[in-house]
C-alpha atoms as a PDB file:
ATOM      1  CA  UNK A   1      -9.390 -27.342  16.515  1.00  0.00           C
ATOM      2  CA  UNK A   2     -12.927 -26.939  16.116  1.00  0.00           C
ATOM      3  CA  UNK A   3     -15.024 -24.113  14.425  1.00  0.00           C
ATOM      4  CA  UNK A   4     -15.464 -22.445  17.376  1.00  0.00           C
ATOM      5  CA  UNK A   5     -12.183 -22.785  19.493  1.00  0.00           C
ATOM      6  CA  UNK A   6     -10.679 -21.497  16.024  1.00  0.00           C
ATOM      7  CA  UNK A   7     -12.545 -18.226  16.171  1.00  0.00           C
ATOM      8  CA  UNK A   8     -12.480 -17.777  20.146  1.00  0.00           C
ATOM      9  CA  UNK A   9      -8.926 -18.377  20.361  1.00  0.00           C
ATOM     10  CA  UNK A  10      -7.722 -16.527  16.864  1.00  0.00           C
ATOM     11  CA  UNK A  11      -5.925 -13.055  16.871  1.00  0.00           C
ATOM     12  CA  UNK A  12      -3.597 -11.477  14.498  1.00  0.00           C
ATOM     13  CA  UNK A  13      -0.036 -11.483  14.623  1.00  0.00           C
ATOM     14  CA  UNK A  14       2.748  -9.295  12.900  1.00  0.00           C
ATOM     15  CA  UNK A  15       6.147 -12.212  14.125  1.00  0.00           C
ATOM     16  CA  UNK A  16       6.164 -15.148  11.768  1.00  0.00           C
ATOM     17  CA  UNK A  17       8.994 -17.590  11.887  1.00  0.00           C
ATOM     18  CA  UNK A  18      10.162 -17.504   8.304  1.00  0.00           C
ATOM     19  CA  UNK A  19       9.772 -21.002   7.641  1.00  0.00           C
ATOM     20  CA  UNK A  20       7.509 -21.593   4.294  1.00  0.00           C
ATOM     21  CA  UNK A  21       3.766 -23.276   4.459  1.00  0.00           C
ATOM     22  CA  UNK A  22       3.329 -26.327   2.968  1.00  0.00           C
ATOM     23  CA  UNK A  23       1.276 -26.761  -0.458  1.00  0.00           C
ATOM     24  CA  UNK A  24      -1.649 -28.738   1.066  1.00  0.00           C
ATOM     25  CA  UNK A  25      -1.987 -26.398   3.825  1.00  0.00           C
ATOM     26  CA  UNK A  26      -1.943 -23.103   1.459  1.00  0.00           C
ATOM     27  CA  UNK A  27      -4.209 -24.089  -0.806  1.00  0.00           C
ATOM     28  CA  UNK A  28      -6.908 -25.851   2.284  1.00  0.00           C
ATOM     29  CA  UNK A  29      -6.141 -21.941   3.501  1.00  0.00           C
ATOM     30  CA  UNK A  30      -7.169 -20.537   0.076  1.00  0.00           C
ATOM     31  CA  UNK A  31     -10.051 -23.294  -0.800  1.00  0.00           C
ATOM     32  CA  UNK A  32     -11.699 -21.692   3.202  1.00  0.00           C
ATOM     33  CA  UNK A  33     -11.647 -18.317   1.178  1.00  0.00           C
ATOM     34  CA  UNK A  34     -12.823 -19.922  -2.124  1.00  0.00           C
ATOM     35  CA  UNK A  35     -16.148 -21.263  -0.225  1.00  0.00           C
ATOM     36  CA  UNK A  36     -17.147 -18.700   1.675  1.00  0.00           C
ATOM     37  CA  UNK A  37     -20.592 -17.111   0.575  1.00  0.00           C
ATOM     38  CA  UNK A  38     -21.104 -13.441  -1.440  1.00  0.00           C
ATOM     39  CA  UNK A  39     -24.511 -11.737  -1.996  1.00  0.00           C
ATOM     40  CA  UNK A  40     -26.393 -13.576  -4.257  1.00  0.00           C
ATOM     41  CA  UNK A  41     -23.734 -15.943  -4.727  1.00  0.00           C
ATOM     42  CA  UNK A  42     -22.106 -13.475  -7.094  1.00  0.00           C
ATOM     43  CA  UNK A  43     -19.009 -14.588  -6.135  1.00  0.00           C
ATOM     44  CA  UNK A  44     -17.172 -11.499  -6.898  1.00  0.00           C
ATOM     45  CA  UNK A  45     -13.487 -12.308  -4.790  1.00  0.00           C
ATOM     46  CA  UNK A  46     -10.454 -13.951  -6.919  1.00  0.00           C
ATOM     47  CA  UNK A  47      -7.099 -14.038  -4.208  1.00  0.00           C
ATOM     48  CA  UNK A  48      -3.529 -13.608  -5.457  1.00  0.00           C
ATOM     49  CA  UNK A  49      -1.020 -15.604  -3.167  1.00  0.00           C
ATOM     50  CA  UNK A  50       2.728 -14.069  -3.254  1.00  0.00           C
ATOM     51  CA  UNK A  51       5.262 -16.110  -1.563  1.00  0.00           C
ATOM     52  CA  UNK A  52       8.178 -14.126  -3.311  1.00  0.00           C
ATOM     53  CA  UNK A  53      10.382 -12.326  -1.188  1.00  0.00           C
ATOM     54  CA  UNK A  54      10.244  -9.356  -4.250  1.00  0.00           C
ATOM     55  CA  UNK A  55       6.685 -10.057  -4.169  1.00  0.00           C
ATOM     56  CA  UNK A  56       6.102  -9.069  -0.392  1.00  0.00           C
ATOM     57  CA  UNK A  57       8.474  -6.197  -0.131  1.00  0.00           C
ATOM     58  CA  UNK A  58       6.600  -4.573  -3.271  1.00  0.00           C
ATOM     59  CA  UNK A  59       3.279  -4.786  -1.455  1.00  0.00           C
ATOM     60  CA  UNK A  60       4.765  -3.317   2.075  1.00  0.00           C
ATOM     61  CA  UNK A  61       5.103  -0.254  -0.085  1.00  0.00           C
ATOM     62  CA  UNK A  62       1.356  -0.049  -0.906  1.00  0.00           C
ATOM     63  CA  UNK A  63      -0.243  -0.131   2.986  1.00  0.00           C
ATOM     64  CA  UNK A  64       0.496   2.260   6.059  1.00  0.00           C
ATOM     65  CA  UNK A  65       1.721  -0.252   8.687  1.00  0.00           C
ATOM     66  CA  UNK A  66       2.788  -3.311   5.947  1.00  0.00           C
ATOM     67  CA  UNK A  67       6.681  -3.751   6.664  1.00  0.00           C
ATOM     68  CA  UNK A  68       5.756  -7.293   8.626  1.00  0.00           C
ATOM     69  CA  UNK A  69       4.150  -8.368   4.804  1.00  0.00           C
ATOM     70  CA  UNK A  70       8.187  -8.774   3.953  1.00  0.00           C
ATOM     71  CA  UNK A  71       8.384 -11.362   7.614  1.00  0.00           C
ATOM     72  CA  UNK A  72       5.151 -13.347   6.453  1.00  0.00           C
ATOM     73  CA  UNK A  73       6.090 -16.188   4.366  1.00  0.00           C
ATOM     74  CA  UNK A  74       3.056 -15.565   2.385  1.00  0.00           C
ATOM     75  CA  UNK A  75       0.670 -12.842   1.417  1.00  0.00           C
ATOM     76  CA  UNK A  76      -2.663 -13.703   0.290  1.00  0.00           C
ATOM     77  CA  UNK A  77      -4.320 -10.142  -1.679  1.00  0.00           C
ATOM     78  CA  UNK A  78      -8.584 -10.123  -1.404  1.00  0.00           C
ATOM     79  CA  UNK A  79      -8.993  -8.086  -4.629  1.00  0.00           C
ATOM     80  CA  UNK A  80     -13.013  -7.151  -5.438  1.00  0.00           C
ATOM     81  CA  UNK A  81     -14.234  -7.243  -9.007  1.00  0.00           C
ATOM     82  CA  UNK A  82     -16.210  -5.225 -10.370  1.00  0.00           C
ATOM     83  CA  UNK A  83     -19.555  -5.009  -8.349  1.00  0.00           C
ATOM     84  CA  UNK A  84     -17.913  -6.616  -5.276  1.00  0.00           C
ATOM     85  CA  UNK A  85     -18.668  -5.710  -2.362  1.00  0.00           C
ATOM     86  CA  UNK A  86     -16.335  -5.261   1.068  1.00  0.00           C
ATOM     87  CA  UNK A  87     -19.015  -7.671   3.120  1.00  0.00           C
ATOM     88  CA  UNK A  88     -17.971 -10.626   0.552  1.00  0.00           C
ATOM     89  CA  UNK A  89     -14.165  -9.786   0.440  1.00  0.00           C
ATOM     90  CA  UNK A  90     -14.803  -9.879   4.625  1.00  0.00           C
ATOM     91  CA  UNK A  91     -16.284 -12.871   4.642  1.00  0.00           C
ATOM     92  CA  UNK A  92     -13.658 -13.984   2.709  1.00  0.00           C
ATOM     93  CA  UNK A  93     -10.561 -13.317   4.154  1.00  0.00           C
ATOM     94  CA  UNK A  94     -12.197 -14.231   7.685  1.00  0.00           C
ATOM     95  CA  UNK A  95     -12.567 -18.247   6.445  1.00  0.00           C
ATOM     96  CA  UNK A  96      -8.964 -18.070   5.341  1.00  0.00           C
ATOM     97  CA  UNK A  97      -8.101 -16.621   8.708  1.00  0.00           C
ATOM     98  CA  UNK A  98      -9.996 -19.349  10.864  1.00  0.00           C
ATOM     99  CA  UNK A  99      -9.200 -22.038   8.192  1.00  0.00           C
ATOM    100  CA  UNK A 100      -5.414 -20.923   8.801  1.00  0.00           C
ATOM    101  CA  UNK A 101      -5.301 -20.579  12.252  1.00  0.00           C
ATOM    102  CA  UNK A 102      -7.183 -24.207  13.116  1.00  0.00           C
ATOM    103  CA  UNK A 103      -3.944 -25.501  11.488  1.00  0.00           C
ATOM    104  CA  UNK A 104      -1.593 -23.229  13.513  1.00  0.00           C
ATOM    105  CA  UNK A 105      -0.821 -20.873  10.945  1.00  0.00           C
ATOM    106  CA  UNK A 106      -1.259 -17.320  12.441  1.00  0.00           C
ATOM    107  CA  UNK A 107      -2.208 -14.216  10.367  1.00  0.00           C
ATOM    108  CA  UNK A 108      -2.791 -10.515  10.357  1.00  0.00           C
ATOM    109  CA  UNK A 109      -4.953  -7.854   7.670  1.00  0.00           C
ATOM    110  CA  UNK A 110      -3.245  -5.355   5.905  1.00  0.00           C
ATOM    111  CA  UNK A 111      -5.218  -2.644   4.343  1.00  0.00           C
ATOM    112  CA  UNK A 112      -4.171  -1.486   0.761  1.00  0.00           C
ATOM    113  CA  UNK A 113      -4.239   2.324   1.495  1.00  0.00           C
ATOM    114  CA  UNK A 114      -2.390   2.769  -2.007  1.00  0.00           C
ATOM    115  CA  UNK A 115      -4.365   1.117  -4.496  1.00  0.00           C
ATOM    116  CA  UNK A 116      -2.542   1.907  -7.144  1.00  0.00           C
ATOM    117  CA  UNK A 117       0.203   0.361  -5.495  1.00  0.00           C
ATOM    118  CA  UNK A 118      -1.673  -2.358  -4.981  1.00  0.00           C
ATOM    119  CA  UNK A 119      -2.803  -2.976  -8.228  1.00  0.00           C
ATOM    120  CA  UNK A 120       0.708  -2.666  -9.896  1.00  0.00           C
ATOM    121  CA  UNK A 121       2.623  -4.621  -7.683  1.00  0.00           C
ATOM    122  CA  UNK A 122       0.042  -7.890  -8.587  1.00  0.00           C
ATOM    123  CA  UNK A 123      -0.820  -7.539 -11.825  1.00  0.00           C
ATOM    124  CA  UNK A 124      -4.411  -6.483 -11.007  1.00  0.00           C
ATOM    125  CA  UNK A 125      -6.862  -4.623 -13.885  1.00  0.00           C
ATOM    126  CA  UNK A 126      -7.282  -0.801 -12.664  1.00  0.00           C
ATOM    127  CA  UNK A 127     -11.132  -1.885 -12.110  1.00  0.00           C
ATOM    128  CA  UNK A 128     -10.473  -4.552  -9.676  1.00  0.00           C
ATOM    129  CA  UNK A 129      -9.857  -3.242  -5.709  1.00  0.00           C
ATOM    130  CA  UNK A 130      -7.640  -5.091  -3.523  1.00  0.00           C
ATOM    131  CA  UNK A 131      -9.987  -5.396  -0.529  1.00  0.00           C
ATOM    132  CA  UNK A 132      -7.303  -6.472   2.300  1.00  0.00           C
ATOM    133  CA  UNK A 133      -4.309  -8.285   2.178  1.00  0.00           C
ATOM    134  CA  UNK A 134      -3.465 -11.459   4.291  1.00  0.00           C
ATOM    135  CA  UNK A 135       0.111 -11.974   5.973  1.00  0.00           C
ATOM    136  CA  UNK A 136       0.547 -15.716   6.761  1.00  0.00           C
ATOM    137  CA  UNK A 137       2.610 -17.938   8.629  1.00  0.00           C
ATOM    138  CA  UNK A 138       3.815 -20.384  11.868  1.00  0.00           C
ATOM    139  CA  UNK A 139       3.548 -17.529  14.892  1.00  0.00           C
ATOM    140  CA  UNK A 140       7.246 -16.364  16.558  1.00  0.00           C
ATOM    141  CA  UNK A 141       5.647 -17.119  19.924  1.00  0.00           C
ATOM    142  CA  UNK A 142       8.432 -15.171  21.201  1.00  0.00           C
ATOM    143  CA  UNK A 143       6.104 -12.319  20.440  1.00  0.00           C
ATOM    144  CA  UNK A 144       2.632 -12.567  22.069  1.00  0.00           C
ATOM    145  CA  UNK A 145      -0.560 -12.674  19.681  1.00  0.00           C
ATOM    146  CA  UNK A 146      -2.127  -9.393  19.178  1.00  0.00           C
ATOM    147  CA  UNK A 147      -0.037  -8.004  21.494  1.00  0.00           C
ATOM    148  CA  UNK A 148      -1.260  -9.579  25.168  1.00  0.00           C
ATOM    149  CA  UNK A 149      -4.537  -7.464  24.403  1.00  0.00           C
ATOM    150  CA  UNK A 150      -7.889  -8.946  26.055  1.00  0.00           C
ATOM    151  CA  UNK A 151     -10.912  -9.142  24.131  1.00  0.00           C
ATOM    152  CA  UNK A 152     -13.940  -6.938  25.828  1.00  0.00           C
ATOM    153  CA  UNK A 153     -16.759  -8.483  27.920  1.00  0.00           C
ATOM    154  CA  UNK A 154     -19.743 -10.270  26.287  1.00  0.00           C
ATOM    155  CA  UNK A 155     -21.901  -7.486  27.935  1.00  0.00           C
ATOM    156  CA  UNK A 156     -20.296  -5.004  26.655  1.00  0.00           C
ATOM    157  CA  UNK A 157     -21.200  -5.636  23.490  1.00  0.00           C
ATOM    158  CA  UNK A 158     -24.018  -6.890  22.751  1.00  0.00           C
ATOM    159  CA  UNK A 159     -27.328  -4.937  23.634  1.00  0.00           C
ATOM    160  CA  UNK A 160     -31.013  -6.754  23.759  1.00  0.00           C
ATOM    161  CA  UNK A 161     -33.613  -5.726  22.203  1.00  0.00           C
ATOM    162  CA  UNK A 162     -32.510  -2.267  22.037  1.00  0.00           C
ATOM    163  CA  UNK A 163     -29.258  -0.060  22.439  1.00  0.00           C
ATOM    164  CA  UNK A 164     -28.035  -0.620  26.230  1.00  0.00           C
ATOM    165  CA  UNK A 165     -30.156  -3.343  26.867  1.00  0.00           C
ATOM    166  CA  UNK A 166     -28.272  -5.445  29.396  1.00  0.00           C
ATOM    167  CA  UNK A 167     -28.674  -9.383  29.700  1.00  0.00           C
ATOM    168  CA  UNK A 168     -31.860 -10.094  31.409  1.00  0.00           C
ATOM    169  CA  UNK A 169     -30.939 -11.705  34.803  1.00  0.00           C
ATOM    170  CA  UNK A 170     -31.192 -15.679  34.279  1.00  0.00           C
ATOM    171  CA  UNK A 171     -30.979 -16.319  31.022  1.00  0.00           C
END
């Protein structure tokens, strides 16, 4: 699947098959996250992979709406070193998720509302931040991806030159 197709077709899901991810697939997903750019090439993002059911269950208690982590065969915590920005974490996370989808692996980002809990569950130093956790697994297609909701049309999202200006006719 090419990059554009992966981006426009990717949807989050909270329903996964129990099948584990092959090591080469997970390695490619992690490599995509590693290759994300960062401000001034500071590379402030680190990742912690959690494949054990016990580890995913512990993480699920650290975020609201995070119960689906238990059903995902793998999770990747995106961790920021001190001074790292949420933008850098988001770039790495998006790379992870798009690369996964290009290989047929679904994902869903999960907020860690209780940082102390997340750091303890992952053994992360106090000065670091768990920006998010990405649930990964093959999608259970008995459930529609993204609950079947449609994306907003481009004309509702984009203004030209000034807020609220629509694209000129014929362009």
